Amino acid sequence: MDTFAYVAASADLRGGFDWSLHFKWEQLSPEQKARRTDPTQPIKTPIIAGGLFVIDRSWFNHLGKYDTAMDIWGGENFGE
């Protein structure tokens, strides 16, 4: 925070929920880690952290941006 130095994050995390439906990062199992030969391979997960996606700005605006009626924090993690 003081230097803006890059701090690497683990490549072995995927998104998940606890029983209260709060988003959390969880480690891959040892078996899943062993199957990954390339750390840039995608990890199958039913959700992503909200806001962590790439989209053309004009298309995002055309779609209506984020749902303004969303009243529960973290609900953007659910896919349809």
PDB file of N, CA and C in Angstrom:
ATOM      1  N   MET A   1       0.819  -1.178   0.000  1.00  0.00           N
ATOM      2  CA  MET A   1       0.000   0.000   0.000  1.00  0.00           C
ATOM      3  C   MET A   1       0.866   1.246   0.000  1.00  0.00           C
ATOM      4  N   ASP A   2       2.062   1.162   0.537  1.00  0.00           N
ATOM      5  CA  ASP A   2       2.931   2.329   0.584  1.00  0.00           C
ATOM      6  C   ASP A   2       3.792   2.490  -0.665  1.00  0.00           C
ATOM      7  N   THR A   3       4.046   1.364  -1.351  1.00  0.00           N
ATOM      8  CA  THR A   3       4.952   1.412  -2.496  1.00  0.00           C
ATOM      9  C   THR A   3       4.280   1.049  -3.814  1.00  0.00           C
ATOM     10  N   PHE A   4       3.084   0.537  -3.780  1.00  0.00           N
ATOM     11  CA  PHE A   4       2.387   0.027  -4.960  1.00  0.00           C
ATOM     12  C   PHE A   4       3.152  -1.121  -5.612  1.00  0.00           C
ATOM     13  N   ALA A   5       3.968  -1.811  -4.846  1.00  0.00           N
ATOM     14  CA  ALA A   5       4.714  -2.955  -5.359  1.00  0.00           C
ATOM     15  C   ALA A   5       3.741  -4.101  -5.641  1.00  0.00           C
ATOM     16  N   TYR A   6       4.039  -4.853  -6.670  1.00  0.00           N
ATOM     17  CA  TYR A   6       3.212  -5.999  -7.024  1.00  0.00           C
ATOM     18  C   TYR A   6       3.371  -7.103  -5.986  1.00  0.00           C
ATOM     19  N   VAL A   7       2.259  -7.640  -5.534  1.00  0.00           N
ATOM     20  CA  VAL A   7       2.264  -8.773  -4.619  1.00  0.00           C
ATOM     21  C   VAL A   7       1.454  -9.872  -5.288  1.00  0.00           C
ATOM     22  N   ALA A   8       2.112 -10.952  -5.628  1.00  0.00           N
ATOM     23  CA  ALA A   8       1.450 -12.048  -6.343  1.00  0.00           C
ATOM     24  C   ALA A   8       0.411 -12.730  -5.458  1.00  0.00           C
ATOM     25  N   ALA A   9      -0.691 -13.093  -6.072  1.00  0.00           N
ATOM     26  CA  ALA A   9      -1.722 -13.861  -5.383  1.00  0.00           C
ATOM     27  C   ALA A   9      -1.573 -15.327  -5.767  1.00  0.00           C
ATOM     28  N   SER A  10      -2.180 -16.183  -4.997  1.00  0.00           N
ATOM     29  CA  SER A  10      -2.124 -17.605  -5.295  1.00  0.00           C
ATOM     30  C   SER A  10      -2.882 -17.911  -6.578  1.00  0.00           C
ATOM     31  N   ALA A  11      -2.315 -18.775  -7.399  1.00  0.00           N
ATOM     32  CA  ALA A  11      -2.981 -19.211  -8.623  1.00  0.00           C
ATOM     33  C   ALA A  11      -3.901 -20.399  -8.342  1.00  0.00           C
ATOM     34  N   ASP A  12      -3.951 -20.830  -7.083  1.00  0.00           N
ATOM     35  CA  ASP A  12      -4.722 -22.022  -6.721  1.00  0.00           C
ATOM     36  C   ASP A  12      -5.973 -21.683  -5.931  1.00  0.00           C
ATOM     37  N   LEU A  13      -6.628 -20.585  -6.276  1.00  0.00           N
ATOM     38  CA  LEU A  13      -7.853 -20.184  -5.592  1.00  0.00           C
ATOM     39  C   LEU A  13      -9.030 -20.209  -6.551  1.00  0.00           C
ATOM     40  N   ARG A  14     -10.197 -20.498  -6.023  1.00  0.00           N
ATOM     41  CA  ARG A  14     -11.422 -20.367  -6.806  1.00  0.00           C
ATOM     42  C   ARG A  14     -12.482 -19.738  -5.919  1.00  0.00           C
ATOM     43  N   GLY A  15     -13.461 -19.115  -6.544  1.00  0.00           N
ATOM     44  CA  GLY A  15     -14.538 -18.480  -5.803  1.00  0.00           C
ATOM     45  C   GLY A  15     -15.526 -19.495  -5.268  1.00  0.00           C
ATOM     46  N   GLY A  16     -16.098 -19.191  -4.128  1.00  0.00           N
ATOM     47  CA  GLY A  16     -17.096 -20.073  -3.532  1.00  0.00           C
ATOM     48  C   GLY A  16     -17.944 -19.306  -2.537  1.00  0.00           C
ATOM     49  N   PHE A  17     -18.862 -20.011  -1.925  1.00  0.00           N
ATOM     50  CA  PHE A  17     -19.739 -19.425  -0.916  1.00  0.00           C
ATOM     51  C   PHE A  17     -19.687 -20.250   0.353  1.00  0.00           C
ATOM     52  N   ASP A  18     -19.880 -19.584   1.495  1.00  0.00           N
ATOM     53  CA  ASP A  18     -20.076 -20.331   2.725  1.00  0.00           C
ATOM     54  C   ASP A  18     -21.582 -20.589   2.870  1.00  0.00           C
ATOM     55  N   TRP A  19     -21.996 -21.193   3.960  1.00  0.00           N
ATOM     56  CA  TRP A  19     -23.408 -21.552   4.124  1.00  0.00           C
ATOM     57  C   TRP A  19     -24.310 -20.333   4.301  1.00  0.00           C
ATOM     58  N   SER A  20     -23.730 -19.171   4.589  1.00  0.00           N
ATOM     59  CA  SER A  20     -24.511 -17.935   4.678  1.00  0.00           C
ATOM     60  C   SER A  20     -24.585 -17.217   3.337  1.00  0.00           C
ATOM     61  N   LEU A  21     -24.044 -17.860   2.294  1.00  0.00           N
ATOM     62  CA  LEU A  21     -23.974 -17.312   0.942  1.00  0.00           C
ATOM     63  C   LEU A  21     -23.105 -16.065   0.845  1.00  0.00           C
ATOM     64  N   HIS A  22     -22.072 -15.999   1.695  1.00  0.00           N
ATOM     65  CA  HIS A  22     -21.078 -14.947   1.589  1.00  0.00           C
ATOM     66  C   HIS A  22     -19.956 -15.457   0.697  1.00  0.00           C
ATOM     67  N   PHE A  23     -19.542 -14.616  -0.249  1.00  0.00           N
ATOM     68  CA  PHE A  23     -18.473 -14.994  -1.165  1.00  0.00           C
ATOM     69  C   PHE A  23     -17.168 -15.177  -0.409  1.00  0.00           C
ATOM     70  N   LYS A  24     -16.395 -16.166  -0.821  1.00  0.00           N
ATOM     71  CA  LYS A  24     -15.079 -16.396  -0.225  1.00  0.00           C
ATOM     72  C   LYS A  24     -14.178 -17.035  -1.271  1.00  0.00           C
ATOM     73  N   TRP A  25     -12.886 -16.874  -1.086  1.00  0.00           N
ATOM     74  CA  TRP A  25     -11.910 -17.570  -1.915  1.00  0.00           C
ATOM     75  C   TRP A  25     -11.540 -18.861  -1.198  1.00  0.00           C
ATOM     76  N   GLU A  26     -11.422 -19.948  -1.941  1.00  0.00           N
ATOM     77  CA  GLU A  26     -11.044 -21.222  -1.324  1.00  0.00           C
ATOM     78  C   GLU A  26      -9.913 -21.853  -2.117  1.00  0.00           C
ATOM     79  N   GLN A  27      -9.072 -22.582  -1.419  1.00  0.00           N
ATOM     80  CA  GLN A  27      -7.943 -23.268  -2.048  1.00  0.00           C
ATOM     81  C   GLN A  27      -8.448 -24.462  -2.856  1.00  0.00           C
ATOM     82  N   LEU A  28      -7.762 -24.756  -3.948  1.00  0.00           N
ATOM     83  CA  LEU A  28      -8.038 -25.985  -4.680  1.00  0.00           C
ATOM     84  C   LEU A  28      -7.582 -27.176  -3.841  1.00  0.00           C
ATOM     85  N   SER A  29      -8.210 -28.312  -4.077  1.00  0.00           N
ATOM     86  CA  SER A  29      -7.798 -29.525  -3.369  1.00  0.00           C
ATOM     87  C   SER A  29      -6.423 -29.965  -3.891  1.00  0.00           C
ATOM     88  N   PRO A  30      -5.708 -30.786  -3.133  1.00  0.00           N
ATOM     89  CA  PRO A  30      -4.411 -31.283  -3.621  1.00  0.00           C
ATOM     90  C   PRO A  30      -4.542 -32.010  -4.964  1.00  0.00           C
ATOM     91  N   GLU A  31      -5.640 -32.729  -5.169  1.00  0.00           N
ATOM     92  CA  GLU A  31      -5.852 -33.438  -6.432  1.00  0.00           C
ATOM     93  C   GLU A  31      -6.021 -32.451  -7.595  1.00  0.00           C
ATOM     94  N   GLN A  32      -6.776 -31.379  -7.356  1.00  0.00           N
ATOM     95  CA  GLN A  32      -6.964 -30.367  -8.391  1.00  0.00           C
ATOM     96  C   GLN A  32      -5.646 -29.664  -8.706  1.00  0.00           C
ATOM     97  N   LYS A  33      -4.873 -29.362  -7.673  1.00  0.00           N
ATOM     98  CA  LYS A  33      -3.580 -28.719  -7.890  1.00  0.00           C
ATOM     99  C   LYS A  33      -2.659 -29.618  -8.706  1.00  0.00           C
ATOM    100  N   ALA A  34      -2.668 -30.926  -8.405  1.00  0.00           N
ATOM    101  CA  ALA A  34      -1.784 -31.871  -9.097  1.00  0.00           C
ATOM    102  C   ALA A  34      -2.136 -31.976 -10.584  1.00  0.00           C
ATOM    103  N   ARG A  35      -3.410 -31.815 -10.938  1.00  0.00           N
ATOM    104  CA  ARG A  35      -3.833 -31.916 -12.343  1.00  0.00           C
ATOM    105  C   ARG A  35      -3.474 -30.688 -13.161  1.00  0.00           C
ATOM    106  N   ARG A  36      -3.204 -29.579 -12.499  1.00  0.00           N
ATOM    107  CA  ARG A  36      -2.900 -28.332 -13.219  1.00  0.00           C
ATOM    108  C   ARG A  36      -1.434 -28.301 -13.622  1.00  0.00           C
ATOM    109  N   THR A  37      -1.174 -28.388 -14.901  1.00  0.00           N
ATOM    110  CA  THR A  37       0.196 -28.339 -15.395  1.00  0.00           C
ATOM    111  C   THR A  37       0.608 -26.919 -15.755  1.00  0.00           C
ATOM    112  N   ASP A  38      -0.373 -26.032 -15.909  1.00  0.00           N
ATOM    113  CA  ASP A  38      -0.115 -24.645 -16.299  1.00  0.00           C
ATOM    114  C   ASP A  38      -0.905 -23.734 -15.361  1.00  0.00           C
ATOM    115  N   PRO A  39      -0.237 -22.839 -14.612  1.00  0.00           N
ATOM    116  CA  PRO A  39      -0.958 -21.989 -13.656  1.00  0.00           C
ATOM    117  C   PRO A  39      -1.905 -20.990 -14.308  1.00  0.00           C
ATOM    118  N   THR A  40      -1.835 -20.833 -15.632  1.00  0.00           N
ATOM    119  CA  THR A  40      -2.752 -19.911 -16.302  1.00  0.00           C
ATOM    120  C   THR A  40      -4.000 -20.612 -16.815  1.00  0.00           C
ATOM    121  N   GLN A  41      -4.087 -21.933 -16.617  1.00  0.00           N
ATOM    122  CA  GLN A  41      -5.290 -22.661 -17.027  1.00  0.00           C
ATOM    123  C   GLN A  41      -6.482 -22.161 -16.221  1.00  0.00           C
ATOM    124  N   PRO A  42      -7.652 -22.036 -16.875  1.00  0.00           N
ATOM    125  CA  PRO A  42      -8.836 -21.629 -16.120  1.00  0.00           C
ATOM    126  C   PRO A  42      -9.214 -22.671 -15.078  1.00  0.00           C
ATOM    127  N   ILE A  43      -9.832 -22.210 -14.010  1.00  0.00           N
ATOM    128  CA  ILE A  43     -10.327 -23.089 -12.952  1.00  0.00           C
ATOM    129  C   ILE A  43     -11.843 -23.071 -13.031  1.00  0.00           C
ATOM    130  N   LYS A  44     -12.454 -24.244 -13.128  1.00  0.00           N
ATOM    131  CA  LYS A  44     -13.912 -24.306 -13.176  1.00  0.00           C
ATOM    132  C   LYS A  44     -14.486 -23.814 -11.856  1.00  0.00           C
ATOM    133  N   THR A  45     -15.380 -22.871 -11.940  1.00  0.00           N
ATOM    134  CA  THR A  45     -16.045 -22.324 -10.759  1.00  0.00           C
ATOM    135  C   THR A  45     -17.400 -21.797 -11.189  1.00  0.00           C
ATOM    136  N   PRO A  46     -18.424 -21.942 -10.364  1.00  0.00           N
ATOM    137  CA  PRO A  46     -19.751 -21.470 -10.752  1.00  0.00           C
ATOM    138  C   PRO A  46     -19.923 -19.960 -10.638  1.00  0.00           C
ATOM    139  N   ILE A  47     -18.948 -19.257 -10.084  1.00  0.00           N
ATOM    140  CA  ILE A  47     -19.089 -17.825  -9.824  1.00  0.00           C
ATOM    141  C   ILE A  47     -17.771 -17.107 -10.031  1.00  0.00           C
ATOM    142  N   ILE A  48     -17.834 -15.790 -10.111  1.00  0.00           N
ATOM    143  CA  ILE A  48     -16.639 -14.959 -10.099  1.00  0.00           C
ATOM    144  C   ILE A  48     -16.873 -13.838  -9.108  1.00  0.00           C
ATOM    145  N   ALA A  49     -15.797 -13.237  -8.658  1.00  0.00           N
ATOM    146  CA  ALA A  49     -15.938 -12.083  -7.776  1.00  0.00           C
ATOM    147  C   ALA A  49     -16.539 -10.936  -8.574  1.00  0.00           C
ATOM    148  N   GLY A  50     -17.497 -10.250  -8.022  1.00  0.00           N
ATOM    149  CA  GLY A  50     -18.179  -9.180  -8.737  1.00  0.00           C
ATOM    150  C   GLY A  50     -17.222  -8.110  -9.222  1.00  0.00           C
ATOM    151  N   GLY A  51     -17.397  -7.686 -10.448  1.00  0.00           N
ATOM    152  CA  GLY A  51     -16.576  -6.638 -11.025  1.00  0.00           C
ATOM    153  C   GLY A  51     -15.301  -7.139 -11.682  1.00  0.00           C
ATOM    154  N   LEU A  52     -14.984  -8.413 -11.522  1.00  0.00           N
ATOM    155  CA  LEU A  52     -13.767  -8.949 -12.119  1.00  0.00           C
ATOM    156  C   LEU A  52     -14.071  -9.591 -13.463  1.00  0.00           C
ATOM    157  N   PHE A  53     -14.406  -8.767 -14.409  1.00  0.00           N
ATOM    158  CA  PHE A  53     -14.641  -9.264 -15.754  1.00  0.00           C
ATOM    159  C   PHE A  53     -14.254  -8.186 -16.742  1.00  0.00           C
ATOM    160  N   VAL A  54     -14.103  -8.584 -17.991  1.00  0.00           N
ATOM    161  CA  VAL A  54     -13.746  -7.635 -19.032  1.00  0.00           C
ATOM    162  C   VAL A  54     -14.911  -7.552 -20.005  1.00  0.00           C
ATOM    163  N   ILE A  55     -15.312  -6.317 -20.307  1.00  0.00           N
ATOM    164  CA  ILE A  55     -16.419  -6.104 -21.232  1.00  0.00           C
ATOM    165  C   ILE A  55     -16.232  -4.737 -21.878  1.00  0.00           C
ATOM    166  N   ASP A  56     -16.640  -4.612 -23.110  1.00  0.00           N
ATOM    167  CA  ASP A  56     -16.580  -3.332 -23.794  1.00  0.00           C
ATOM    168  C   ASP A  56     -17.498  -2.336 -23.088  1.00  0.00           C
ATOM    169  N   ARG A  57     -16.985  -1.151 -22.815  1.00  0.00           N
ATOM    170  CA  ARG A  57     -17.747  -0.149 -22.057  1.00  0.00           C
ATOM    171  C   ARG A  57     -19.091   0.178 -22.715  1.00  0.00           C
ATOM    172  N   SER A  58     -19.107   0.332 -24.029  1.00  0.00           N
ATOM    173  CA  SER A  58     -20.370   0.691 -24.689  1.00  0.00           C
ATOM    174  C   SER A  58     -21.382  -0.451 -24.577  1.00  0.00           C
ATOM    175  N   TRP A  59     -20.935  -1.691 -24.650  1.00  0.00           N
ATOM    176  CA  TRP A  59     -21.844  -2.836 -24.507  1.00  0.00           C
ATOM    177  C   TRP A  59     -22.361  -2.924 -23.067  1.00  0.00           C
ATOM    178  N   PHE A  60     -21.482  -2.710 -22.084  1.00  0.00           N
ATOM    179  CA  PHE A  60     -21.875  -2.713 -20.682  1.00  0.00           C
ATOM    180  C   PHE A  60     -22.936  -1.639 -20.430  1.00  0.00           C
ATOM    181  N   ASN A  61     -22.728  -0.441 -20.985  1.00  0.00           N
ATOM    182  CA  ASN A  61     -23.721   0.636 -20.851  1.00  0.00           C
ATOM    183  C   ASN A  61     -25.022   0.261 -21.539  1.00  0.00           C
ATOM    184  N   HIS A  62     -24.924  -0.354 -22.716  1.00  0.00           N
ATOM    185  CA  HIS A  62     -26.119  -0.774 -23.459  1.00  0.00           C
ATOM    186  C   HIS A  62     -26.935  -1.790 -22.648  1.00  0.00           C
ATOM    187  N   LEU A  63     -26.249  -2.669 -21.941  1.00  0.00           N
ATOM    188  CA  LEU A  63     -26.931  -3.687 -21.132  1.00  0.00           C
ATOM    189  C   LEU A  63     -27.576  -3.107 -19.878  1.00  0.00           C
ATOM    190  N   GLY A  64     -27.223  -1.879 -19.518  1.00  0.00           N
ATOM    191  CA  GLY A  64     -27.823  -1.244 -18.349  1.00  0.00           C
ATOM    192  C   GLY A  64     -26.923  -1.202 -17.139  1.00  0.00           C
ATOM    193  N   LYS A  65     -25.643  -1.478 -17.325  1.00  0.00           N
ATOM    194  CA  LYS A  65     -24.653  -1.461 -16.239  1.00  0.00           C
ATOM    195  C   LYS A  65     -25.041  -2.474 -15.159  1.00  0.00           C
ATOM    196  N   TYR A  66     -24.680  -2.188 -13.917  1.00  0.00           N
ATOM    197  CA  TYR A  66     -25.039  -3.083 -12.817  1.00  0.00           C
ATOM    198  C   TYR A  66     -26.514  -2.921 -12.467  1.00  0.00           C
ATOM    199  N   ASP A  67     -27.099  -3.947 -11.891  1.00  0.00           N
ATOM    200  CA  ASP A  67     -28.501  -3.933 -11.497  1.00  0.00           C
ATOM    201  C   ASP A  67     -28.681  -2.996 -10.301  1.00  0.00           C
ATOM    202  N   THR A  68     -29.376  -1.882 -10.501  1.00  0.00           N
ATOM    203  CA  THR A  68     -29.557  -0.906  -9.433  1.00  0.00           C
ATOM    204  C   THR A  68     -30.506  -1.394  -8.342  1.00  0.00           C
ATOM    205  N   ALA A  69     -31.264  -2.446  -8.624  1.00  0.00           N
ATOM    206  CA  ALA A  69     -32.187  -2.981  -7.622  1.00  0.00           C
ATOM    207  C   ALA A  69     -31.533  -4.048  -6.739  1.00  0.00           C
ATOM    208  N   MET A  70     -30.261  -4.336  -6.980  1.00  0.00           N
ATOM    209  CA  MET A  70     -29.561  -5.338  -6.172  1.00  0.00           C
ATOM    210  C   MET A  70     -29.379  -4.788  -4.771  1.00  0.00           C
ATOM    211  N   ASP A  71     -30.039  -5.389  -3.784  1.00  0.00           N
ATOM    212  CA  ASP A  71     -29.971  -4.846  -2.431  1.00  0.00           C
ATOM    213  C   ASP A  71     -29.210  -5.741  -1.458  1.00  0.00           C
ATOM    214  N   ILE A  72     -28.625  -6.820  -1.942  1.00  0.00           N
ATOM    215  CA  ILE A  72     -27.842  -7.703  -1.082  1.00  0.00           C
ATOM    216  C   ILE A  72     -26.424  -7.713  -1.604  1.00  0.00           C
ATOM    217  N   TRP A  73     -25.473  -7.293  -0.789  1.00  0.00           N
ATOM    218  CA  TRP A  73     -24.080  -7.269  -1.216  1.00  0.00           C
ATOM    219  C   TRP A  73     -23.630  -8.673  -1.550  1.00  0.00           C
ATOM    220  N   GLY A  74     -22.924  -8.832  -2.656  1.00  0.00           N
ATOM    221  CA  GLY A  74     -22.396 -10.124  -3.064  1.00  0.00           C
ATOM    222  C   GLY A  74     -23.313 -10.866  -4.007  1.00  0.00           C
ATOM    223  N   GLY A  75     -24.528 -10.387  -4.215  1.00  0.00           N
ATOM    224  CA  GLY A  75     -25.456 -11.080  -5.117  1.00  0.00           C
ATOM    225  C   GLY A  75     -25.011 -11.088  -6.556  1.00  0.00           C
ATOM    226  N   GLU A  76     -24.080 -10.195  -6.905  1.00  0.00           N
ATOM    227  CA  GLU A  76     -23.599 -10.156  -8.287  1.00  0.00           C
ATOM    228  C   GLU A  76     -22.786 -11.398  -8.629  1.00  0.00           C
ATOM    229  N   ASN A  77     -22.454 -12.199  -7.625  1.00  0.00           N
ATOM    230  CA  ASN A  77     -21.649 -13.407  -7.875  1.00  0.00           C
ATOM    231  C   ASN A  77     -22.473 -14.564  -8.446  1.00  0.00           C
ATOM    232  N   PHE A  78     -23.772 -14.489  -8.335  1.00  0.00           N
ATOM    233  CA  PHE A  78     -24.608 -15.577  -8.834  1.00  0.00           C
ATOM    234  C   PHE A  78     -24.778 -15.465 -10.318  1.00  0.00           C
ATOM    235  N   GLY A  79     -24.588 -16.567 -11.040  1.00  0.00           N
ATOM    236  CA  GLY A  79     -24.832 -16.607 -12.475  1.00  0.00           C
ATOM    237  C   GLY A  79     -26.262 -17.039 -12.755  1.00  0.00           C
ATOM    238  N   GLU A  80     -26.678 -16.825 -13.957  1.00  0.00           N
ATOM    239  CA  GLU A  80     -28.031 -17.256 -14.328  1.00  0.00           C
ATOM    240  C   GLU A  80     -27.968 -18.438 -15.243  1.00  0.00           C
TER     241      GLU A  80
END
